PDB file of N, CA and C in Angstrom:
ATOM      1  N   MET A   1    -137.408  16.076  42.804  1.00  0.00           N
ATOM      2  CA  MET A   1    -136.075  16.286  44.139  1.00  0.00           C
ATOM      3  C   MET A   1    -135.985  15.609  44.904  1.00  0.00           C
ATOM      4  N   LEU A   2    -137.151  16.100  46.453  1.00  0.00           N
ATOM      5  CA  LEU A   2    -136.608  15.550  47.004  1.00  0.00           C
ATOM      6  C   LEU A   2    -136.688  14.237  47.532  1.00  0.00           C
ATOM      7  N   PHE A   3    -136.896  13.235  46.151  1.00  0.00           N
ATOM      8  CA  PHE A   3    -136.606  11.906  46.302  1.00  0.00           C
ATOM      9  C   PHE A   3    -135.554  11.564  46.331  1.00  0.00           C
ATOM     10  N   PHE A   4    -134.341  12.361  45.041  1.00  0.00           N
ATOM     11  CA  PHE A   4    -133.648  11.532  45.200  1.00  0.00           C
ATOM     12  C   PHE A   4    -132.409  11.863  46.270  1.00  0.00           C
ATOM     13  N   LEU A   5    -132.337  13.383  46.551  1.00  0.00           N
ATOM     14  CA  LEU A   5    -131.928  14.205  47.894  1.00  0.00           C
ATOM     15  C   LEU A   5    -132.099  12.662  49.358  1.00  0.00           C
ATOM     16  N   GLY A   6    -133.501  12.483  49.497  1.00  0.00           N
ATOM     17  CA  GLY A   6    -134.154  11.911  50.260  1.00  0.00           C
ATOM     18  C   GLY A   6    -133.143  10.217  49.719  1.00  0.00           C
ATOM     19  N   LEU A   7    -133.029   9.714  48.874  1.00  0.00           N
ATOM     20  CA  LEU A   7    -131.957   8.511  48.091  1.00  0.00           C
ATOM     21  C   LEU A   7    -130.666   8.983  48.778  1.00  0.00           C
ATOM     22  N   GLY A   8    -130.518   9.655  48.425  1.00  0.00           N
ATOM     23  CA  GLY A   8    -128.723  10.246  48.861  1.00  0.00           C
ATOM     24  C   GLY A   8    -127.865  10.275  50.083  1.00  0.00           C
ATOM     25  N   LEU A   9    -129.078  10.327  50.762  1.00  0.00           N
ATOM     26  CA  LEU A   9    -129.112  10.352  52.040  1.00  0.00           C
ATOM     27  C   LEU A   9    -129.014   9.265  52.442  1.00  0.00           C
ATOM     28  N   ALA A  10    -130.193   8.398  52.589  1.00  0.00           N
ATOM     29  CA  ALA A  10    -130.073   7.455  52.732  1.00  0.00           C
ATOM     30  C   ALA A  10    -128.448   6.095  52.269  1.00  0.00           C
ATOM     31  N   ALA A  11    -127.954   6.221  51.299  1.00  0.00           N
ATOM     32  CA  ALA A  11    -127.025   5.773  50.786  1.00  0.00           C
ATOM     33  C   ALA A  11    -125.729   6.315  51.623  1.00  0.00           C
ATOM     34  N   THR A  12    -125.620   7.162  52.173  1.00  0.00           N
ATOM     35  CA  THR A  12    -124.488   7.839  52.999  1.00  0.00           C
ATOM     36  C   THR A  12    -124.733   7.520  54.392  1.00  0.00           C
ATOM     37  N   ALA A  13    -125.875   7.700  54.445  1.00  0.00           N
ATOM     38  CA  ALA A  13    -126.009   6.564  56.167  1.00  0.00           C
ATOM     39  C   ALA A  13    -125.413   5.098  55.762  1.00  0.00           C
ATOM     40  N   LEU A  14    -125.695   5.079  55.108  1.00  0.00           N
ATOM     41  CA  LEU A  14    -125.771   3.450  54.999  1.00  0.00           C
ATOM     42  C   LEU A  14    -124.011   2.997  54.610  1.00  0.00           C
ATOM     43  N   VAL A  15    -123.236   4.158  53.581  1.00  0.00           N
ATOM     44  CA  VAL A  15    -122.113   3.375  53.900  1.00  0.00           C
ATOM     45  C   VAL A  15    -120.670   4.371  55.274  1.00  0.00           C
ATOM     46  N   GLY A  16    -121.776   4.852  55.383  1.00  0.00           N
ATOM     47  CA  GLY A  16    -120.792   5.634  56.360  1.00  0.00           C
ATOM     48  C   GLY A  16    -121.360   5.388  57.543  1.00  0.00           C
ATOM     49  N   GLY A  17    -122.513   4.831  57.928  1.00  0.00           N
ATOM     50  CA  GLY A  17    -122.418   3.989  58.697  1.00  0.00           C
ATOM     51  C   GLY A  17    -121.849   2.745  58.648  1.00  0.00           C
ATOM     52  N   PHE A  18    -121.203   1.936  57.795  1.00  0.00           N
ATOM     53  CA  PHE A  18    -120.286   0.838  57.901  1.00  0.00           C
ATOM     54  C   PHE A  18    -118.726   1.228  58.507  1.00  0.00           C
ATOM     55  N   ALA A  19    -118.927   2.348  57.429  1.00  0.00           N
ATOM     56  CA  ALA A  19    -117.633   2.451  57.926  1.00  0.00           C
ATOM     57  C   ALA A  19    -116.706   2.859  58.809  1.00  0.00           C
ATOM     58  N   VAL A  20    -117.230   3.757  59.332  1.00  0.00           N
ATOM     59  CA  VAL A  20    -117.344   4.901  60.327  1.00  0.00           C
ATOM     60  C   VAL A  20    -117.605   3.651  61.449  1.00  0.00           C
ATOM     61  N   THR A  21    -118.628   2.352  61.869  1.00  0.00           N
ATOM     62  CA  THR A  21    -118.694   1.494  62.895  1.00  0.00           C
ATOM     63  C   THR A  21    -117.362   0.398  62.785  1.00  0.00           C
ATOM     64  N   ARG A  22    -117.315   0.313  61.800  1.00  0.00           N
ATOM     65  CA  ARG A  22    -116.564  -1.061  61.266  1.00  0.00           C
ATOM     66  C   ARG A  22    -114.932  -0.371  62.233  1.00  0.00           C
ATOM     67  N   SER A  23    -114.461   0.258  61.738  1.00  0.00           N
ATOM     68  CA  SER A  23    -113.499   1.345  62.050  1.00  0.00           C
ATOM     69  C   SER A  23    -113.454   1.260  63.660  1.00  0.00           C
ATOM     70  N   PHE A  24    -114.236   1.374  64.196  1.00  0.00           N
ATOM     71  CA  PHE A  24    -114.173   2.145  65.583  1.00  0.00           C
ATOM     72  C   PHE A  24    -114.482   0.496  66.851  1.00  0.00           C
ATOM     73  N   VAL A  25    -115.187   0.100  65.496  1.00  0.00           N
ATOM     74  CA  VAL A  25    -115.182  -1.648  66.791  1.00  0.00           C
ATOM     75  C   VAL A  25    -113.766  -2.576  66.763  1.00  0.00           C
ATOM     76  N   ARG A  26    -113.151  -2.259  65.198  1.00  0.00           N
ATOM     77  CA  ARG A  26    -111.684  -2.147  65.390  1.00  0.00           C
ATOM     78  C   ARG A  26    -110.711  -1.773  66.410  1.00  0.00           C
ATOM     79  N   ARG A  27    -110.882  -0.579  66.251  1.00  0.00           N
ATOM     80  CA  ARG A  27    -109.861   0.301  66.971  1.00  0.00           C
ATOM     81  C   ARG A  27    -110.364   0.260  68.750  1.00  0.00           C
ATOM     82  N   ARG A  28    -111.714   0.085  68.821  1.00  0.00           N
ATOM     83  CA  ARG A  28    -111.541   0.526  70.224  1.00  0.00           C
ATOM     84  C   ARG A  28    -112.594  -0.652  70.778  1.00  0.00           C
ATOM     85  N   LEU A  29    -112.636  -1.427  69.915  1.00  0.00           N
ATOM     86  CA  LEU A  29    -113.587  -3.244  71.040  1.00  0.00           C
ATOM     87  C   LEU A  29    -112.661  -4.235  71.123  1.00  0.00           C
ATOM     88  N   ARG A  30    -111.987  -4.201  70.044  1.00  0.00           N
ATOM     89  CA  ARG A  30    -111.272  -5.589  70.276  1.00  0.00           C
ATOM     90  C   ARG A  30    -111.487  -6.536  71.294  1.00  0.00           C
ATOM     91  N   PHE A  31    -111.354  -5.500  72.675  1.00  0.00           N
ATOM     92  CA  PHE A  31    -111.110  -6.490  73.832  1.00  0.00           C
ATOM     93  C   PHE A  31    -111.851  -6.343  74.373  1.00  0.00           C
ATOM     94  N   VAL A  32    -113.098  -5.906  74.323  1.00  0.00           N
ATOM     95  CA  VAL A  32    -114.561  -6.313  74.952  1.00  0.00           C
ATOM     96  C   VAL A  32    -115.358  -7.008  74.754  1.00  0.00           C
ATOM     97  N   ASP A  33    -115.839  -8.046  75.734  1.00  0.00           N
ATOM     98  CA  ASP A  33    -116.224  -9.795  75.361  1.00  0.00           C
ATOM     99  C   ASP A  33    -117.608  -9.395  75.157  1.00  0.00           C
ATOM    100  N   ALA A  34    -118.676  -7.993  75.254  1.00  0.00           N
ATOM    101  CA  ALA A  34    -120.002  -7.254  74.889  1.00  0.00           C
ATOM    102  C   ALA A  34    -119.858  -7.294  74.051  1.00  0.00           C
ATOM    103  N   ILE A  35    -118.783  -6.846  72.858  1.00  0.00           N
ATOM    104  CA  ILE A  35    -119.244  -7.023  71.009  1.00  0.00           C
ATOM    105  C   ILE A  35    -118.933  -8.772  70.228  1.00  0.00           C
ATOM    106  N   GLN A  36    -118.385  -9.233  71.303  1.00  0.00           N
ATOM    107  CA  GLN A  36    -118.839 -10.551  70.504  1.00  0.00           C
ATOM    108  C   GLN A  36    -120.213 -11.304  71.116  1.00  0.00           C
ATOM    109  N   LYS A  37    -120.386 -11.177  71.367  1.00  0.00           N
ATOM    110  CA  LYS A  37    -122.248 -11.788  71.644  1.00  0.00           C
ATOM    111  C   LYS A  37    -123.152 -11.968  70.254  1.00  0.00           C
ATOM    112  N   PRO A  38    -124.015 -11.951  69.905  1.00  0.00           N
ATOM    113  CA  PRO A  38    -124.575 -12.300  68.490  1.00  0.00           C
ATOM    114  C   PRO A  38    -125.520 -11.165  68.651  1.00  0.00           C
ATOM    115  N   ALA A  39    -126.095 -10.633  69.486  1.00  0.00           N
ATOM    116  CA  ALA A  39    -127.071  -9.946  69.848  1.00  0.00           C
ATOM    117  C   ALA A  39    -126.701  -8.529  69.337  1.00  0.00           C
ATOM    118  N   ALA A  40    -125.103  -8.002  69.224  1.00  0.00           N
ATOM    119  CA  ALA A  40    -123.855  -6.822  69.406  1.00  0.00           C
ATOM    120  C   ALA A  40    -125.074  -6.281  68.184  1.00  0.00           C
ATOM    121  N   PRO A  41    -124.666  -6.717  66.992  1.00  0.00           N
ATOM    122  CA  PRO A  41    -124.966  -5.960  65.542  1.00  0.00           C
ATOM    123  C   PRO A  41    -126.194  -5.363  65.943  1.00  0.00           C
ATOM    124  N   LEU A  42    -127.321  -6.625  66.036  1.00  0.00           N
ATOM    125  CA  LEU A  42    -128.435  -5.892  65.933  1.00  0.00           C
ATOM    126  C   LEU A  42    -129.274  -4.574  67.312  1.00  0.00           C
ATOM    127  N   VAL A  43    -128.233  -4.768  68.300  1.00  0.00           N
ATOM    128  CA  VAL A  43    -128.271  -3.906  69.298  1.00  0.00           C
ATOM    129  C   VAL A  43    -127.520  -2.001  68.964  1.00  0.00           C
ATOM    130  N   ALA A  44    -126.785  -2.449  67.927  1.00  0.00           N
ATOM    131  CA  ALA A  44    -125.989  -1.001  68.233  1.00  0.00           C
ATOM    132  C   ALA A  44    -126.746  -1.005  66.719  1.00  0.00           C
ATOM    133  N   GLY A  45    -127.449  -1.217  65.249  1.00  0.00           N
ATOM    134  CA  GLY A  45    -128.232  -1.315  64.623  1.00  0.00           C
ATOM    135  C   GLY A  45    -129.498   0.066  65.526  1.00  0.00           C
ATOM    136  N   THR A  46    -130.123  -1.013  65.928  1.00  0.00           N
ATOM    137  CA  THR A  46    -131.096  -0.264  66.597  1.00  0.00           C
ATOM    138  C   THR A  46    -131.102   0.687  67.004  1.00  0.00           C
ATOM    139  N   VAL A  47    -130.268   0.559  67.432  1.00  0.00           N
ATOM    140  CA  VAL A  47    -129.745   2.101  68.972  1.00  0.00           C
ATOM    141  C   VAL A  47    -129.528   3.673  67.729  1.00  0.00           C
ATOM    142  N   ALA A  48    -128.839   3.076  66.688  1.00  0.00           N
ATOM    143  CA  ALA A  48    -128.496   3.901  65.938  1.00  0.00           C
ATOM    144  C   ALA A  48    -129.894   4.753  64.896  1.00  0.00           C
ATOM    145  N   ALA A  49    -131.068   3.445  64.163  1.00  0.00           N
ATOM    146  CA  ALA A  49    -131.887   3.736  64.140  1.00  0.00           C
ATOM    147  C   ALA A  49    -132.852   4.616  65.079  1.00  0.00           C
ATOM    148  N   VAL A  50    -133.290   4.028  65.710  1.00  0.00           N
ATOM    149  CA  VAL A  50    -133.641   5.480  66.734  1.00  0.00           C
ATOM    150  C   VAL A  50    -133.164   6.388  67.369  1.00  0.00           C
ATOM    151  N   ALA A  51    -132.188   6.579  67.390  1.00  0.00           N
ATOM    152  CA  ALA A  51    -130.829   7.851  67.328  1.00  0.00           C
ATOM    153  C   ALA A  51    -131.560   9.174  66.328  1.00  0.00           C
ATOM    154  N   LEU A  52    -131.283   8.184  65.166  1.00  0.00           N
ATOM    155  CA  LEU A  52    -131.887   9.307  64.605  1.00  0.00           C
ATOM    156  C   LEU A  52    -133.380   9.968  64.055  1.00  0.00           C
ATOM    157  N   LEU A  53    -134.195   9.109  64.460  1.00  0.00           N
ATOM    158  CA  LEU A  53    -135.941   9.862  64.593  1.00  0.00           C
ATOM    159  C   LEU A  53    -136.223  10.883  65.002  1.00  0.00           C
ATOM    160  N   PRO A  54    -135.608  11.687  65.878  1.00  0.00           N
ATOM    161  CA  PRO A  54    -135.754  13.301  66.090  1.00  0.00           C
ATOM    162  C   PRO A  54    -135.547  13.524  64.639  1.00  0.00           C
ATOM    163  N   VAL A  55    -134.730  13.290  64.408  1.00  0.00           N
ATOM    164  CA  VAL A  55    -134.302  14.533  63.008  1.00  0.00           C
ATOM    165  C   VAL A  55    -135.239  14.189  61.928  1.00  0.00           C
ATOM    166  N   MET A  56    -135.635  12.782  62.191  1.00  0.00           N
ATOM    167  CA  MET A  56    -137.089  12.498  61.067  1.00  0.00           C
ATOM    168  C   MET A  56    -138.138  14.050  60.864  1.00  0.00           C
ATOM    169  N   PHE A  57    -137.904  15.162  60.932  1.00  0.00           N
ATOM    170  CA  PHE A  57    -138.943  16.312  61.066  1.00  0.00           C
ATOM    171  C   PHE A  57    -138.229  17.096  60.027  1.00  0.00           C
ATOM    172  N   LEU A  58    -137.343  17.030  59.330  1.00  0.00           N
ATOM    173  CA  LEU A  58    -136.595  17.163  57.680  1.00  0.00           C
ATOM    174  C   LEU A  58    -137.168  16.799  56.748  1.00  0.00           C
ATOM    175  N   PRO A  59    -137.049  17.281  55.324  1.00  0.00           N
ATOM    176  CA  PRO A  59    -138.370  16.148  54.956  1.00  0.00           C
ATOM    177  C   PRO A  59    -137.688  15.761  53.523  1.00  0.00           C
ATOM    178  N   ALA A  60    -136.134  15.837  53.523  1.00  0.00           N
ATOM    179  CA  ALA A  60    -135.149  14.472  53.135  1.00  0.00           C
ATOM    180  C   ALA A  60    -134.733  13.450  53.562  1.00  0.00           C
ATOM    181  N   VAL A  61    -134.909  13.203  54.626  1.00  0.00           N
ATOM    182  CA  VAL A  61    -134.725  12.131  55.855  1.00  0.00           C
ATOM    183  C   VAL A  61    -136.256  11.605  56.657  1.00  0.00           C
ATOM    184  N   GLY A  62    -136.454   9.914  56.152  1.00  0.00           N
ATOM    185  CA  GLY A  62    -137.343   9.481  56.143  1.00  0.00           C
ATOM    186  C   GLY A  62    -137.349   8.146  57.333  1.00  0.00           C
ATOM    187  N   VAL A  63    -137.645   7.458  57.012  1.00  0.00           N
ATOM    188  CA  VAL A  63    -137.697   5.917  58.167  1.00  0.00           C
ATOM    189  C   VAL A  63    -136.586   5.681  57.311  1.00  0.00           C
ATOM    190  N   GLY A  64    -136.719   5.808  55.967  1.00  0.00           N
ATOM    191  CA  GLY A  64    -135.155   4.636  55.560  1.00  0.00           C
ATOM    192  C   GLY A  64    -134.126   5.100  55.146  1.00  0.00           C
ATOM    193  N   THR A  65    -133.801   6.472  56.073  1.00  0.00           N
ATOM    194  CA  THR A  65    -132.538   6.587  55.653  1.00  0.00           C
ATOM    195  C   THR A  65    -132.372   5.985  57.461  1.00  0.00           C
ATOM    196  N   ALA A  66    -133.305   6.249  58.313  1.00  0.00           N
ATOM    197  CA  ALA A  66    -133.428   6.067  59.808  1.00  0.00           C
ATOM    198  C   ALA A  66    -132.679   4.150  59.479  1.00  0.00           C
ATOM    199  N   VAL A  67    -133.154   3.319  58.865  1.00  0.00           N
ATOM    200  CA  VAL A  67    -133.144   1.838  59.104  1.00  0.00           C
ATOM    201  C   VAL A  67    -131.865   1.980  58.206  1.00  0.00           C
ATOM    202  N   ALA A  68    -130.949   2.888  57.196  1.00  0.00           N
ATOM    203  CA  ALA A  68    -130.231   2.172  56.178  1.00  0.00           C
ATOM    204  C   ALA A  68    -129.463   2.901  56.741  1.00  0.00           C
ATOM    205  N   LEU A  69    -129.518   3.453  58.408  1.00  0.00           N
ATOM    206  CA  LEU A  69    -128.322   3.709  59.566  1.00  0.00           C
ATOM    207  C   LEU A  69    -128.431   2.840  59.715  1.00  0.00           C
ATOM    208  N   GLY A  70    -129.317   2.405  59.889  1.00  0.00           N
ATOM    209  CA  GLY A  70    -129.220   1.034  61.359  1.00  0.00           C
ATOM    210  C   GLY A  70    -128.803   0.163  60.390  1.00  0.00           C
ATOM    211  N   VAL A  71    -128.977  -0.752  59.621  1.00  0.00           N
ATOM    212  CA  VAL A  71    -128.584  -2.099  58.217  1.00  0.00           C
ATOM    213  C   VAL A  71    -127.167  -1.394  58.490  1.00  0.00           C
ATOM    214  N   GLY A  72    -125.904  -0.771  58.214  1.00  0.00           N
ATOM    215  CA  GLY A  72    -125.182   0.240  58.067  1.00  0.00           C
ATOM    216  C   GLY A  72    -124.244   0.119  59.636  1.00  0.00           C
ATOM    217  N   VAL A  73    -124.716   0.233  60.351  1.00  0.00           N
ATOM    218  CA  VAL A  73    -124.152  -0.118  62.009  1.00  0.00           C
ATOM    219  C   VAL A  73    -124.112  -1.020  61.582  1.00  0.00           C
ATOM    220  N   ALA A  74    -124.907  -1.969  62.181  1.00  0.00           N
ATOM    221  CA  ALA A  74    -125.178  -3.686  62.315  1.00  0.00           C
ATOM    222  C   ALA A  74    -124.337  -4.585  61.605  1.00  0.00           C
ATOM    223  N   GLY A  75    -124.370  -3.818  60.077  1.00  0.00           N
ATOM    224  CA  GLY A  75    -122.955  -4.693  59.553  1.00  0.00           C
ATOM    225  C   GLY A  75    -121.999  -4.300  59.862  1.00  0.00           C
ATOM    226  N   GLY A  76    -121.610  -2.847  60.564  1.00  0.00           N
ATOM    227  CA  GLY A  76    -119.771  -2.201  61.023  1.00  0.00           C
ATOM    228  C   GLY A  76    -119.986  -3.387  61.822  1.00  0.00           C
ATOM    229  N   VAL A  77    -121.132  -3.332  62.715  1.00  0.00           N
ATOM    230  CA  VAL A  77    -120.231  -4.182  63.698  1.00  0.00           C
ATOM    231  C   VAL A  77    -120.105  -5.176  63.681  1.00  0.00           C
ATOM    232  N   ALA A  78    -120.885  -6.098  62.741  1.00  0.00           N
ATOM    233  CA  ALA A  78    -121.094  -7.687  62.747  1.00  0.00           C
ATOM    234  C   ALA A  78    -118.963  -7.853  61.552  1.00  0.00           C
ATOM    235  N   SER A  79    -118.828  -6.831  60.763  1.00  0.00           N
ATOM    236  CA  SER A  79    -117.328  -7.184  60.700  1.00  0.00           C
ATOM    237  C   SER A  79    -116.410  -6.415  60.923  1.00  0.00           C
ATOM    238  N   GLY A  80    -117.094  -5.762  62.315  1.00  0.00           N
ATOM    239  CA  GLY A  80    -115.099  -5.024  62.693  1.00  0.00           C
ATOM    240  C   GLY A  80    -115.445  -6.389  63.981  1.00  0.00           C
ATOM    241  N   ARG A  81    -116.048  -6.741  64.170  1.00  0.00           N
ATOM    242  CA  ARG A  81    -115.514  -7.595  65.074  1.00  0.00           C
ATOM    243  C   ARG A  81    -115.250  -9.121  65.009  1.00  0.00           C
ATOM    244  N   ASN A  82    -115.209  -9.488  63.662  1.00  0.00           N
ATOM    245  CA  ASN A  82    -114.837 -10.832  62.650  1.00  0.00           C
ATOM    246  C   ASN A  82    -113.303 -10.567  62.469  1.00  0.00           C
ATOM    247  N   ALA A  83    -113.035  -9.248  61.625  1.00  0.00           N
ATOM    248  CA  ALA A  83    -112.286  -8.604  60.874  1.00  0.00           C
ATOM    249  C   ALA A  83    -110.034  -8.935  61.904  1.00  0.00           C
ATOM    250  N   PRO A  84    -109.654  -8.941  61.810  1.00  0.00           N
ATOM    251  CA  PRO A  84    -108.332  -8.783  62.644  1.00  0.00           C
ATOM    252  C   PRO A  84    -108.372  -7.363  63.366  1.00  0.00           C
ATOM    253  N   PRO A  85    -107.485  -6.831  63.864  1.00  0.00           N
ATOM    254  CA  PRO A  85    -107.020  -5.756  64.291  1.00  0.00           C
ATOM    255  C   PRO A  85    -105.843  -4.876  63.093  1.00  0.00           C
ATOM    256  N   PRO A  86    -105.943  -3.658  62.841  1.00  0.00           N
ATOM    257  CA  PRO A  86    -105.620  -3.272  62.462  1.00  0.00           C
ATOM    258  C   PRO A  86    -103.894  -2.672  62.695  1.00  0.00           C
ATOM    259  N   ASP A  87    -102.843  -2.910  61.602  1.00  0.00           N
ATOM    260  CA  ASP A  87    -101.736  -2.550  61.888  1.00  0.00           C
ATOM    261  C   ASP A  87    -101.569  -1.783  63.038  1.00  0.00           C
ATOM    262  N   SER A  88    -101.163  -1.309  64.267  1.00  0.00           N
ATOM    263  CA  SER A  88    -100.369  -0.716  64.851  1.00  0.00           C
ATOM    264  C   SER A  88     -97.996   0.429  64.248  1.00  0.00           C
ATOM    265  N   ARG A  89     -98.676   0.655  63.144  1.00  0.00           N
ATOM    266  CA  ARG A  89     -97.726   1.303  62.802  1.00  0.00           C
ATOM    267  C   ARG A  89     -97.230   2.426  63.193  1.00  0.00           C
TER     268      ARG A  89
END
């Protein structure tokens, strides 16, 4: 049972990290030059994964959840910087 809870948390971290980060990069960081550097997704993903490490004392949160969050954030940064800016209606 704990395995499925951990798997659900990892999937939520992956999808949520991607969606929130992509939206943030598209809305707020579109004019920041540092986000256009090739290392920006790797740095953001690493920082997100390391930020989750103190929560790993919980039984359902493990290294896989931290890695999933890092991958989601890195993908969101990479996707958000290449996407056109949202409509400003």
